[in-house]
Amino acid sequence: MKALIQRVSRASVEINDEAGGHRTAGAIDGGLLALIGVEKGDAEANADKLLHKLLHYRVFSDAEGKMNLNVQQAGGGLLLVSQFTLAADTRKGLRPSFSSAAPPADGERLFDYLVAQARTHALPVATGDFGADMQVALVNDGPVTFMLEG
């Protein structure tokens, strides 16, 4: 599993509804936006390892301005958004290959597992809708962006 994380001062994800409008599926005021990619062979252990990194990776500033605080210590939330394109193989050619991405059913199962596990911790957790066409809005704080693997 992969997560492209961005430290944000706010982030939200909107989804087109059946009436032709938009609805906000999830939003946080500050914390981490994590775009989540699931690859073939990933299992719950990968999700657990990734969640541990999401919760404990120190990317928030302390009183001296150094990145010493994790999302929980900073009082932030998580916005988890599924993004199968993170599993793309881009090493050759000019078109991405998605042969390493997990099948949709496996990706959804592991994404849902990750979300459920994240919600057992004492911080706000918001999400998009798996497989939906989503519009993600964010204010990257820093900018601070990292790729994590679990």
Protein backbone atom coordinates (compact mmCIF):
# COMPACT_ATOMS: atom_id res chain seq x y z
CA MET A 1 0.00 0.00 0.00
CA LYS A 2 1.10 3.51 -0.76
CA ALA A 3 0.04 6.88 0.58
CA LEU A 4 0.91 10.24 -0.86
CA ILE A 5 0.47 12.48 2.18
CA GLN A 6 0.21 16.23 2.27
CA ARG A 7 0.19 18.37 5.39
CA VAL A 8 -2.84 20.61 4.95
CA SER A 9 -4.45 23.53 6.70
CA ARG A 10 -7.74 22.35 5.17
CA ALA A 11 -8.87 19.77 2.65
CA SER A 12 -12.12 18.41 1.29
CA VAL A 13 -13.42 15.98 -1.28
CA GLU A 14 -16.57 16.50 -3.32
CA ILE A 15 -18.51 13.96 -5.33
CA ASN A 16 -21.14 14.45 -8.04
CA ASP A 17 -24.58 13.45 -6.74
CA GLU A 18 -27.47 11.92 -8.70
CA ALA A 19 -29.21 15.30 -9.03
CA GLY A 20 -26.27 16.73 -10.98
CA GLY A 21 -24.91 18.74 -8.08
CA HIS A 22 -21.99 18.18 -5.75
CA ARG A 23 -21.87 16.93 -2.19
CA THR A 24 -19.00 17.12 0.23
CA ALA A 25 -18.06 13.55 1.12
CA GLY A 26 -15.38 14.48 3.64
CA ALA A 27 -13.43 17.43 4.97
CA ILE A 28 -10.84 18.31 7.61
CA ASP A 29 -9.75 21.68 8.93
CA GLY A 30 -6.11 20.66 9.31
CA GLY A 31 -4.00 17.53 9.34
CA LEU A 32 -3.06 15.07 6.64
CA LEU A 33 -4.63 14.44 3.27
CA ALA A 34 -3.63 10.89 2.32
CA LEU A 35 -4.18 9.61 -1.21
CA ILE A 36 -4.20 5.81 -0.84
CA GLY A 37 -3.09 3.31 -3.49
CA VAL A 38 -3.56 -0.43 -3.06
CA GLU A 39 -1.35 -2.84 -4.99
CA LYS A 40 -1.66 -6.53 -5.83
CA GLY A 41 -0.52 -8.65 -2.91
CA ASP A 42 -1.36 -6.04 -0.28
CA ALA A 43 -3.06 -7.34 2.86
CA GLU A 44 -4.33 -6.08 6.21
CA ALA A 45 -0.75 -6.14 7.55
CA ASN A 46 0.22 -3.57 4.90
CA ALA A 47 -2.73 -1.38 5.89
CA ASP A 48 -1.79 -1.66 9.58
CA LYS A 49 1.81 -0.67 8.84
CA LEU A 50 0.70 2.25 6.67
CA LEU A 51 -1.76 3.46 9.31
CA HIS A 52 0.99 3.36 11.93
CA LYS A 53 3.09 5.62 9.69
CA LEU A 54 0.15 7.95 8.98
CA LEU A 55 -0.51 8.39 12.68
CA HIS A 56 3.12 8.68 13.83
CA TYR A 57 5.03 10.31 10.96
CA ARG A 58 6.38 13.60 12.33
CA VAL A 59 5.59 16.32 9.78
CA PHE A 60 4.07 19.02 12.01
CA SER A 61 6.08 21.81 13.58
CA ASP A 62 6.84 22.00 17.28
CA ALA A 63 7.35 25.23 19.25
CA GLU A 64 10.80 25.67 17.65
CA GLY A 65 9.47 25.21 14.12
CA LYS A 66 10.98 21.74 13.66
CA MET A 67 9.01 18.79 12.25
CA ASN A 68 8.73 16.87 15.51
CA LEU A 69 4.97 16.36 15.94
CA ASN A 70 2.69 13.74 14.42
CA VAL A 71 -0.90 14.38 13.31
CA GLN A 72 -2.35 13.36 16.68
CA GLN A 73 0.06 15.56 18.66
CA ALA A 74 -0.78 18.46 16.35
CA GLY A 75 -4.52 17.96 16.89
CA GLY A 76 -5.17 17.29 13.21
CA GLY A 77 -7.37 14.93 11.27
CA LEU A 78 -7.01 12.49 8.40
CA LEU A 79 -8.72 12.79 5.03
CA LEU A 80 -8.29 9.40 3.34
CA VAL A 81 -8.98 9.27 -0.40
CA SER A 82 -8.62 6.15 -2.54
CA GLN A 83 -6.49 6.68 -5.63
CA PHE A 84 -5.65 3.61 -7.69
CA THR A 85 -3.40 5.64 -9.98
CA LEU A 86 -0.71 5.62 -7.25
CA ALA A 87 -0.14 1.96 -8.15
CA ALA A 88 0.71 2.87 -11.77
CA ASP A 89 3.92 1.69 -13.36
CA THR A 90 5.35 4.73 -15.15
CA ARG A 91 8.85 3.43 -15.87
CA LYS A 92 8.40 2.97 -19.60
CA GLY A 93 6.37 4.52 -22.34
CA LEU A 94 4.10 7.52 -22.18
CA ARG A 95 0.99 5.83 -20.81
CA PRO A 96 0.73 4.43 -17.27
CA SER A 97 0.22 0.72 -16.74
CA PHE A 98 -2.09 -0.32 -13.91
CA SER A 99 -1.09 -3.98 -13.92
CA SER A 100 0.30 -3.68 -10.37
CA ALA A 101 -2.91 -2.17 -8.94
CA ALA A 102 -5.11 -4.40 -6.82
CA PRO A 103 -8.40 -5.51 -8.38
CA PRO A 104 -11.21 -3.11 -7.40
CA ALA A 105 -12.83 -5.50 -4.89
CA ASP A 106 -9.51 -6.04 -3.08
CA GLY A 107 -8.69 -2.34 -3.19
CA GLU A 108 -12.05 -1.40 -1.72
CA ARG A 109 -11.82 -4.05 1.00
CA LEU A 110 -8.36 -2.88 2.10
CA PHE A 111 -9.25 0.81 1.85
CA ASP A 112 -12.36 0.21 4.00
CA TYR A 113 -10.21 -1.74 6.48
CA LEU A 114 -7.72 1.13 6.68
CA VAL A 115 -10.54 3.63 7.30
CA ALA A 116 -12.13 1.44 9.98
CA GLN A 117 -8.80 1.01 11.77
CA ALA A 118 -8.09 4.76 11.57
CA ARG A 119 -11.47 5.52 13.15
CA THR A 120 -10.49 3.55 16.27
CA HIS A 121 -8.00 6.33 17.12
CA ALA A 122 -8.84 9.63 18.77
CA LEU A 123 -8.72 11.95 15.76
CA PRO A 124 -11.16 13.09 13.07
CA VAL A 125 -11.21 10.78 10.02
CA ALA A 126 -12.97 11.75 6.80
CA THR A 127 -13.02 10.00 3.42
CA GLY A 128 -14.09 10.21 -0.15
CA ASP A 129 -16.13 7.42 -1.79
CA PHE A 130 -14.16 4.48 -3.15
CA GLY A 131 -14.15 4.41 -6.95
CA ALA A 132 -16.09 7.66 -7.32
CA ASP A 133 -15.09 10.56 -9.55
CA MET A 134 -13.95 12.99 -6.87
CA GLN A 135 -12.76 16.58 -6.76
CA VAL A 136 -10.17 17.07 -4.05
CA ALA A 137 -9.46 20.57 -2.76
CA LEU A 138 -6.62 21.35 -0.39
CA VAL A 139 -4.37 23.99 0.99
CA ASN A 140 -0.96 22.33 1.30
CA ASP A 141 0.73 23.70 4.40
CA GLY A 142 4.41 24.22 3.71
CA PRO A 143 4.21 22.74 1.12
CA VAL A 144 4.89 19.42 2.82
CA THR A 145 4.38 16.22 0.79
CA PHE A 146 5.74 12.67 1.34
CA MET A 147 5.25 9.23 -0.20
CA LEU A 148 4.78 6.50 2.42
CA GLU A 149 4.69 2.76 1.84
CA GLY A 150 3.23 0.15 4.15
